[in-house]
Amino acid sequence: MNNTNQSRWKKIKSKIKKLKPIRALTRRKTALVLSGGGARSFCQVGVLKVLEREKIPVDLIVGCSMGAVIGALFCLGVPVREIEQKVFNFCQLKQVKEIEKQFASEAMGIRKIGEFMRDISLYVIDLFKEGIWEEKNLMENLSHLIPDNLTFADVKIPFACVATDVKEGKRIIIQEGNLLHSVAASSSVPGVFTPIRDDGKILVDGGVLSRIPVIAAEKIGAGFIIAVSSGGLDKREPAKAFETLMKTIEIRELEFARIESSLADFLFSPSMEKWDWFSFSKIKEIIDKGEEEAATIISSLKKSLKKGYTDKKKLRKFLLPLFY
């Protein structure tokens, strides 16, 4: 080989070394779907710990409600340990504690007559409001987690969240605009927070129709979908009309979630029946449970990722027009 050919060959080898392996270029896009569930969604922080430790690739995240909050933080490049500290601090906020106190007292059942009359008065007043807490309160609290000056263009990993348009009765996928405003729309629990108005839409919690937004991930280009469920029906018998109403709403949401979660290629489903959606004071236990149960099945996920596309992909594509 003459000097000219040797020089050309060295240049070619140099360029080859800079190229990514073919398998990395052709690897299907792995999406992580994080569900709603209030405080129970913090189990997802435990799952993220395991995924990060095991170096599981995540190319896209789609979140709902509190899952949208956690997903947005991860996509912004916040380390999981820091996310954990942020949500610990969030649970110490005065209004978050008030939410737990109010709904925990509702769940207790029997109370003194004076307390009962006080609550009836507040309930009658609240019937004529859009929510117990205003949109600005939700935005203010979530701003402790997500700065209010960021947009979807600031994320390091592609991110989307889902909300429900109560005006049109449709699922909405949000992928652009102000990040805090969008996550707040996805997290606006009906009756608890006032709806978020945006471009003619009236948006509330995405969990109303899509607590585990697997089909949303399919719509925006996911190949292999890993979903994390943080739901679970409380088996306690409702003692009052309010509890019965809340439980029937939860049953409907969980049924929708069951359908979508069955369409994921892999599902983490930590047992959350022990806690309520408002159990913010139990955050450490909830995170630990998510980490513990994810660690027990992570080897199964690795095996699934090595396989090709599953039959779930075909089914998701078939069902897509029914959802969006």
Protein backbone atom coordinates (compact mmCIF):
# COMPACT_ATOMS: atom_id res chain seq x y z
CA MET A 1 0.00 0.00 0.00
CA ASN A 2 1.57 3.32 -1.07
CA ASN A 3 1.75 6.42 1.13
CA THR A 4 -1.28 8.05 -0.49
CA ASN A 5 -3.52 5.04 0.13
CA GLN A 6 -2.20 4.69 3.69
CA SER A 7 -3.08 8.32 4.37
CA ARG A 8 -6.61 7.83 2.96
CA TRP A 9 -7.10 4.66 5.02
CA LYS A 10 -6.08 6.46 8.23
CA LYS A 11 -8.64 9.18 7.53
CA ILE A 12 -11.36 6.58 6.91
CA LYS A 13 -10.53 4.71 10.14
CA SER A 14 -10.59 8.01 12.04
CA LYS A 15 -14.08 8.76 10.74
CA ILE A 16 -15.31 5.22 11.53
CA LYS A 17 -14.20 5.59 15.16
CA LYS A 18 -16.33 8.70 15.51
CA LEU A 19 -19.46 6.93 14.29
CA LYS A 20 -21.96 5.46 16.76
CA PRO A 21 -22.43 1.68 16.61
CA ILE A 22 -25.09 0.57 14.15
CA ARG A 23 -27.21 -0.93 16.93
CA ALA A 24 -27.35 2.45 18.67
CA LEU A 25 -28.50 4.12 15.47
CA THR A 26 -31.23 1.59 14.82
CA ARG A 27 -32.43 1.06 18.41
CA ARG A 28 -36.16 1.69 18.67
CA LYS A 29 -37.27 4.68 20.72
CA THR A 30 -37.97 3.69 24.32
CA ALA A 31 -40.70 5.70 26.05
CA LEU A 32 -41.39 5.93 29.75
CA VAL A 33 -45.03 6.58 30.70
CA LEU A 34 -45.60 7.97 34.20
CA SER A 35 -49.12 7.80 35.59
CA GLY A 36 -51.18 10.08 37.75
CA GLY A 37 -52.13 9.18 41.28
CA GLY A 38 -51.34 12.11 43.57
CA ALA A 39 -48.92 11.25 46.35
CA ARG A 40 -48.86 7.62 45.21
CA SER A 41 -47.13 8.77 42.02
CA PHE A 42 -43.99 9.40 44.08
CA CYS A 43 -43.34 5.65 43.79
CA GLN A 44 -42.12 6.60 40.31
CA VAL A 45 -39.12 8.34 41.86
CA GLY A 46 -38.16 4.93 43.29
CA VAL A 47 -38.61 3.33 39.87
CA LEU A 48 -36.45 6.04 38.27
CA LYS A 49 -33.71 5.28 40.80
CA VAL A 50 -33.59 1.70 39.55
CA LEU A 51 -33.72 2.68 35.87
CA GLU A 52 -30.90 5.16 36.38
CA ARG A 53 -28.81 2.69 38.37
CA GLU A 54 -29.26 -0.02 35.73
CA LYS A 55 -28.62 2.43 32.87
CA ILE A 56 -31.92 1.71 31.12
CA PRO A 57 -32.23 4.04 28.10
CA VAL A 58 -35.13 6.50 28.05
CA ASP A 59 -35.70 8.46 24.83
CA LEU A 60 -39.09 9.99 25.60
CA ILE A 61 -41.33 10.57 28.63
CA VAL A 62 -45.09 11.06 28.68
CA GLY A 63 -46.63 11.96 32.03
CA CYS A 64 -50.02 12.52 33.57
CA SER A 65 -50.76 14.68 36.62
CA MET A 66 -48.08 14.11 39.30
CA GLY A 67 -46.38 11.76 36.84
CA ALA A 68 -46.08 14.78 34.52
CA VAL A 69 -44.35 16.74 37.28
CA ILE A 70 -41.82 13.97 37.91
CA GLY A 71 -41.35 13.34 34.19
CA ALA A 72 -40.74 17.02 33.44
CA LEU A 73 -38.04 17.21 36.12
CA PHE A 74 -36.28 14.11 34.77
CA CYS A 75 -36.46 15.41 31.19
CA LEU A 76 -34.93 18.71 32.30
CA GLY A 77 -31.88 16.73 33.37
CA VAL A 78 -32.45 16.91 37.11
CA PRO A 79 -30.68 13.94 38.79
CA VAL A 80 -33.06 11.47 40.45
CA ARG A 81 -31.58 12.12 43.91
CA GLU A 82 -32.31 15.81 43.45
CA ILE A 83 -35.84 15.05 42.23
CA GLU A 84 -36.34 13.05 45.42
CA GLN A 85 -35.26 16.00 47.55
CA LYS A 86 -37.46 18.39 45.60
CA VAL A 87 -40.58 16.30 46.12
CA PHE A 88 -39.72 15.91 49.83
CA ASN A 89 -39.61 19.70 50.09
CA PHE A 90 -42.84 19.97 48.08
CA CYS A 91 -44.65 17.75 50.57
CA GLN A 92 -43.66 20.13 53.37
CA LEU A 93 -45.46 23.07 51.79
CA LYS A 94 -48.30 24.47 53.88
CA GLN A 95 -50.99 24.03 51.23
CA VAL A 96 -49.94 20.46 50.45
CA LYS A 97 -50.27 19.64 54.15
CA GLU A 98 -53.68 21.32 54.18
CA ILE A 99 -54.84 19.13 51.28
CA GLU A 100 -53.82 15.99 53.16
CA LYS A 101 -55.41 17.23 56.39
CA GLN A 102 -58.72 18.10 54.75
CA PHE A 103 -59.11 14.89 52.74
CA ALA A 104 -57.81 12.70 55.58
CA SER A 105 -60.47 14.16 57.87
CA GLU A 106 -63.12 13.43 55.23
CA ALA A 107 -61.98 9.81 55.18
CA MET A 108 -62.30 9.42 58.96
CA GLY A 109 -66.07 9.28 58.82
CA ILE A 110 -67.61 10.20 62.16
CA ARG A 111 -66.82 13.67 63.53
CA LYS A 112 -68.18 16.08 66.13
CA ILE A 113 -71.42 17.93 65.29
CA GLY A 114 -69.63 21.30 65.27
CA GLU A 115 -67.04 20.07 62.78
CA PHE A 116 -69.75 18.48 60.68
CA MET A 117 -71.75 21.73 60.44
CA ARG A 118 -68.60 23.68 59.61
CA ASP A 119 -67.75 21.28 56.78
CA ILE A 120 -71.31 21.36 55.42
CA SER A 121 -71.12 25.17 55.25
CA LEU A 122 -67.80 25.05 53.41
CA TYR A 123 -69.09 22.35 51.06
CA VAL A 124 -72.18 24.41 50.11
CA ILE A 125 -69.95 27.41 49.38
CA ASP A 126 -67.59 25.25 47.32
CA LEU A 127 -70.46 23.98 45.18
CA PHE A 128 -70.61 27.43 43.61
CA LYS A 129 -66.88 27.62 42.91
CA GLU A 130 -64.85 25.88 40.20
CA GLY A 131 -62.51 24.40 42.78
CA ILE A 132 -61.53 24.52 46.43
CA TRP A 133 -58.17 26.04 45.51
CA GLU A 134 -57.49 28.56 42.74
CA GLU A 135 -55.28 27.99 39.69
CA LYS A 136 -52.73 30.46 41.07
CA ASN A 137 -52.32 28.29 44.19
CA LEU A 138 -51.57 25.22 42.07
CA MET A 139 -49.11 27.17 39.91
CA GLU A 140 -47.42 28.67 42.97
CA ASN A 141 -46.93 25.27 44.62
CA LEU A 142 -45.70 23.55 41.45
CA SER A 143 -43.26 26.42 40.84
CA HIS A 144 -41.28 25.07 43.81
CA LEU A 145 -40.56 22.08 41.56
CA ILE A 146 -40.53 23.54 38.05
CA PRO A 147 -39.34 27.13 37.36
CA ASP A 148 -42.02 29.23 35.68
CA ASN A 149 -39.73 30.54 32.92
CA LEU A 150 -39.07 27.21 31.19
CA THR A 151 -40.66 25.86 28.01
CA PHE A 152 -40.67 22.46 26.31
CA ALA A 153 -37.66 23.68 24.31
CA ASP A 154 -35.58 23.52 27.52
CA VAL A 155 -35.92 19.77 28.09
CA LYS A 156 -32.98 17.48 27.39
CA ILE A 157 -35.21 14.43 26.76
CA PRO A 158 -38.39 14.84 24.66
CA PHE A 159 -41.38 15.27 26.99
CA ALA A 160 -45.16 15.43 26.70
CA CYS A 161 -48.00 15.51 29.21
CA VAL A 162 -51.71 14.85 28.91
CA ALA A 163 -54.72 16.79 30.13
CA THR A 164 -58.48 16.52 29.67
CA ASP A 165 -60.45 19.20 27.84
CA VAL A 166 -63.77 19.22 29.71
CA LYS A 167 -65.28 21.56 27.13
CA GLU A 168 -64.87 19.05 24.29
CA GLY A 169 -64.56 15.88 26.37
CA LYS A 170 -61.24 14.95 24.78
CA ARG A 171 -57.76 13.82 25.74
CA ILE A 172 -55.15 16.48 24.97
CA ILE A 173 -51.42 15.89 24.42
CA ILE A 174 -49.30 18.94 25.30
CA GLN A 175 -45.82 19.21 23.78
CA GLU A 176 -45.16 22.92 23.49
CA GLY A 177 -45.47 26.16 25.42
CA ASN A 178 -44.76 26.99 29.04
CA LEU A 179 -43.71 23.88 30.95
CA LEU A 180 -45.13 24.86 34.36
CA HIS A 181 -48.48 25.92 32.88
CA SER A 182 -48.76 22.65 30.94
CA VAL A 183 -47.89 20.45 33.92
CA ALA A 184 -50.38 22.40 36.05
CA ALA A 185 -53.10 21.69 33.46
CA SER A 186 -52.25 17.98 33.59
CA SER A 187 -52.41 18.09 37.42
CA SER A 188 -55.57 20.16 37.97
CA VAL A 189 -57.70 17.69 39.94
CA PRO A 190 -61.40 18.47 39.22
CA GLY A 191 -63.16 20.00 42.19
CA VAL A 192 -59.90 20.51 44.07
CA PHE A 193 -58.27 23.05 41.73
CA THR A 194 -59.93 25.39 39.26
CA PRO A 195 -59.54 24.32 35.59
CA ILE A 196 -56.75 25.80 33.48
CA ARG A 197 -57.97 27.82 30.51
CA ASP A 198 -55.78 27.71 27.43
CA ASP A 199 -56.53 28.70 23.84
CA GLY A 200 -60.26 28.09 24.18
CA LYS A 201 -59.79 24.80 26.04
CA ILE A 202 -60.81 24.15 29.66
CA LEU A 203 -58.19 21.73 30.95
CA VAL A 204 -58.24 19.48 34.01
CA ASP A 205 -56.27 16.48 35.24
CA GLY A 206 -55.29 14.10 32.44
CA GLY A 207 -56.23 11.18 34.69
CA VAL A 208 -59.91 11.77 34.02
CA LEU A 209 -59.50 9.91 30.72
CA SER A 210 -55.89 8.77 30.54
CA ARG A 211 -54.18 8.18 33.88
CA ILE A 212 -51.54 5.99 32.19
CA PRO A 213 -51.10 7.68 28.77
CA VAL A 214 -49.67 4.74 26.83
CA ILE A 215 -51.56 5.57 23.63
CA ALA A 216 -50.28 9.16 23.80
CA ALA A 217 -46.73 7.77 23.78
CA GLU A 218 -47.61 5.64 20.75
CA LYS A 219 -49.02 8.67 18.94
CA ILE A 220 -45.83 10.69 19.35
CA GLY A 221 -43.50 7.98 18.10
CA ALA A 222 -42.67 5.51 20.86
CA GLY A 223 -41.31 2.12 19.87
CA PHE A 224 -41.03 0.22 23.15
CA ILE A 225 -43.19 1.55 26.01
CA ILE A 226 -42.38 1.13 29.70
CA ALA A 227 -45.29 2.24 31.89
CA VAL A 228 -45.38 2.89 35.63
CA SER A 229 -48.72 2.49 37.38
CA SER A 230 -49.28 4.19 40.71
CA GLY A 231 -52.94 3.39 41.16
CA GLY A 232 -54.89 0.82 43.08
CA LEU A 233 -58.43 0.76 44.39
CA ASP A 234 -58.93 1.39 48.08
CA LYS A 235 -60.96 -1.63 49.25
CA ARG A 236 -62.39 0.13 52.32
CA GLU A 237 -66.17 0.53 52.36
CA PRO A 238 -67.27 4.17 51.82
CA ALA A 239 -68.99 5.58 54.89
CA LYS A 240 -70.62 8.69 53.38
CA ALA A 241 -72.09 9.98 50.13
CA PHE A 242 -68.96 12.08 49.44
CA GLU A 243 -66.72 9.03 49.80
CA THR A 244 -68.99 6.99 47.51
CA LEU A 245 -68.89 9.74 44.87
CA MET A 246 -65.08 9.97 45.01
CA LYS A 247 -64.74 6.21 44.82
CA THR A 248 -66.97 5.88 41.74
CA ILE A 249 -64.82 8.50 39.99
CA GLU A 250 -61.70 6.58 40.96
CA ILE A 251 -63.16 3.29 39.69
CA ARG A 252 -63.79 4.84 36.27
CA GLU A 253 -60.29 6.30 36.07
CA LEU A 254 -58.70 3.02 37.12
CA GLU A 255 -60.66 1.09 34.50
CA PHE A 256 -59.37 3.39 31.75
CA ALA A 257 -55.88 3.02 33.28
CA ARG A 258 -56.16 -0.77 33.32
CA ILE A 259 -56.93 -0.79 29.60
CA GLU A 260 -54.01 1.48 28.67
CA SER A 261 -51.52 -0.18 31.00
CA SER A 262 -52.27 -3.54 29.36
CA LEU A 263 -51.05 -2.02 26.07
CA ALA A 264 -47.58 -1.19 27.41
CA ASP A 265 -44.67 -3.45 26.45
CA PHE A 266 -43.56 -3.55 30.08
CA LEU A 267 -45.33 -2.45 33.26
CA PHE A 268 -44.04 -1.49 36.69
CA SER A 269 -46.96 -1.64 39.10
CA PRO A 270 -45.85 -1.09 42.71
CA SER A 271 -48.54 -1.96 45.24
CA MET A 272 -50.03 1.36 46.39
CA GLU A 273 -53.28 0.23 48.02
CA LYS A 274 -51.86 1.05 51.44
CA TRP A 275 -51.86 4.79 50.71
CA ASP A 276 -54.33 7.42 49.50
CA TRP A 277 -53.72 9.95 46.74
CA PHE A 278 -53.33 12.59 49.45
CA SER A 279 -50.82 10.64 51.62
CA PHE A 280 -48.09 13.25 51.13
CA SER A 281 -46.67 12.68 54.62
CA LYS A 282 -45.84 9.07 53.64
CA ILE A 283 -43.59 10.04 50.75
CA LYS A 284 -40.49 8.15 51.95
CA GLU A 285 -42.43 4.90 52.33
CA ILE A 286 -43.99 5.37 48.89
CA ILE A 287 -40.66 6.05 47.15
CA ASP A 288 -39.02 3.11 48.92
CA LYS A 289 -41.86 0.81 47.82
CA GLY A 290 -41.44 1.87 44.21
CA GLU A 291 -37.69 1.25 44.32
CA GLU A 292 -38.08 -2.09 46.08
CA GLU A 293 -40.62 -3.54 43.65
CA ALA A 294 -38.85 -2.16 40.55
CA ALA A 295 -35.59 -3.79 41.65
CA THR A 296 -37.25 -7.21 41.81
CA ILE A 297 -38.33 -7.19 38.13
CA ILE A 298 -35.65 -5.07 36.46
CA SER A 299 -34.02 -8.19 34.99
CA SER A 300 -37.31 -8.97 33.21
CA LEU A 301 -37.31 -5.50 31.68
CA LYS A 302 -33.76 -5.98 30.38
CA LYS A 303 -34.82 -9.21 28.67
CA SER A 304 -37.85 -7.53 27.13
CA LEU A 305 -35.75 -4.68 25.77
CA LYS A 306 -33.49 -7.14 23.95
CA LYS A 307 -36.44 -8.50 21.98
CA GLY A 308 -37.96 -6.87 18.91
CA TYR A 309 -41.26 -5.06 18.66
CA THR A 310 -44.07 -6.87 20.45
CA ASP A 311 -47.63 -7.53 19.35
CA LYS A 312 -48.64 -4.66 21.66
CA LYS A 313 -47.25 -2.23 19.09
CA LYS A 314 -49.70 -3.44 16.41
CA LEU A 315 -52.59 -3.27 18.85
CA ARG A 316 -51.69 0.27 19.96
CA LYS A 317 -51.60 1.45 16.36
CA PHE A 318 -54.97 -0.19 15.71
CA LEU A 319 -56.57 1.50 18.75
CA LEU A 320 -54.95 4.90 18.26
CA PRO A 321 -57.88 6.48 16.34
CA LEU A 322 -60.22 5.60 19.23
CA PHE A 323 -58.13 7.69 21.63
CA TYR A 324 -56.83 10.62 19.54
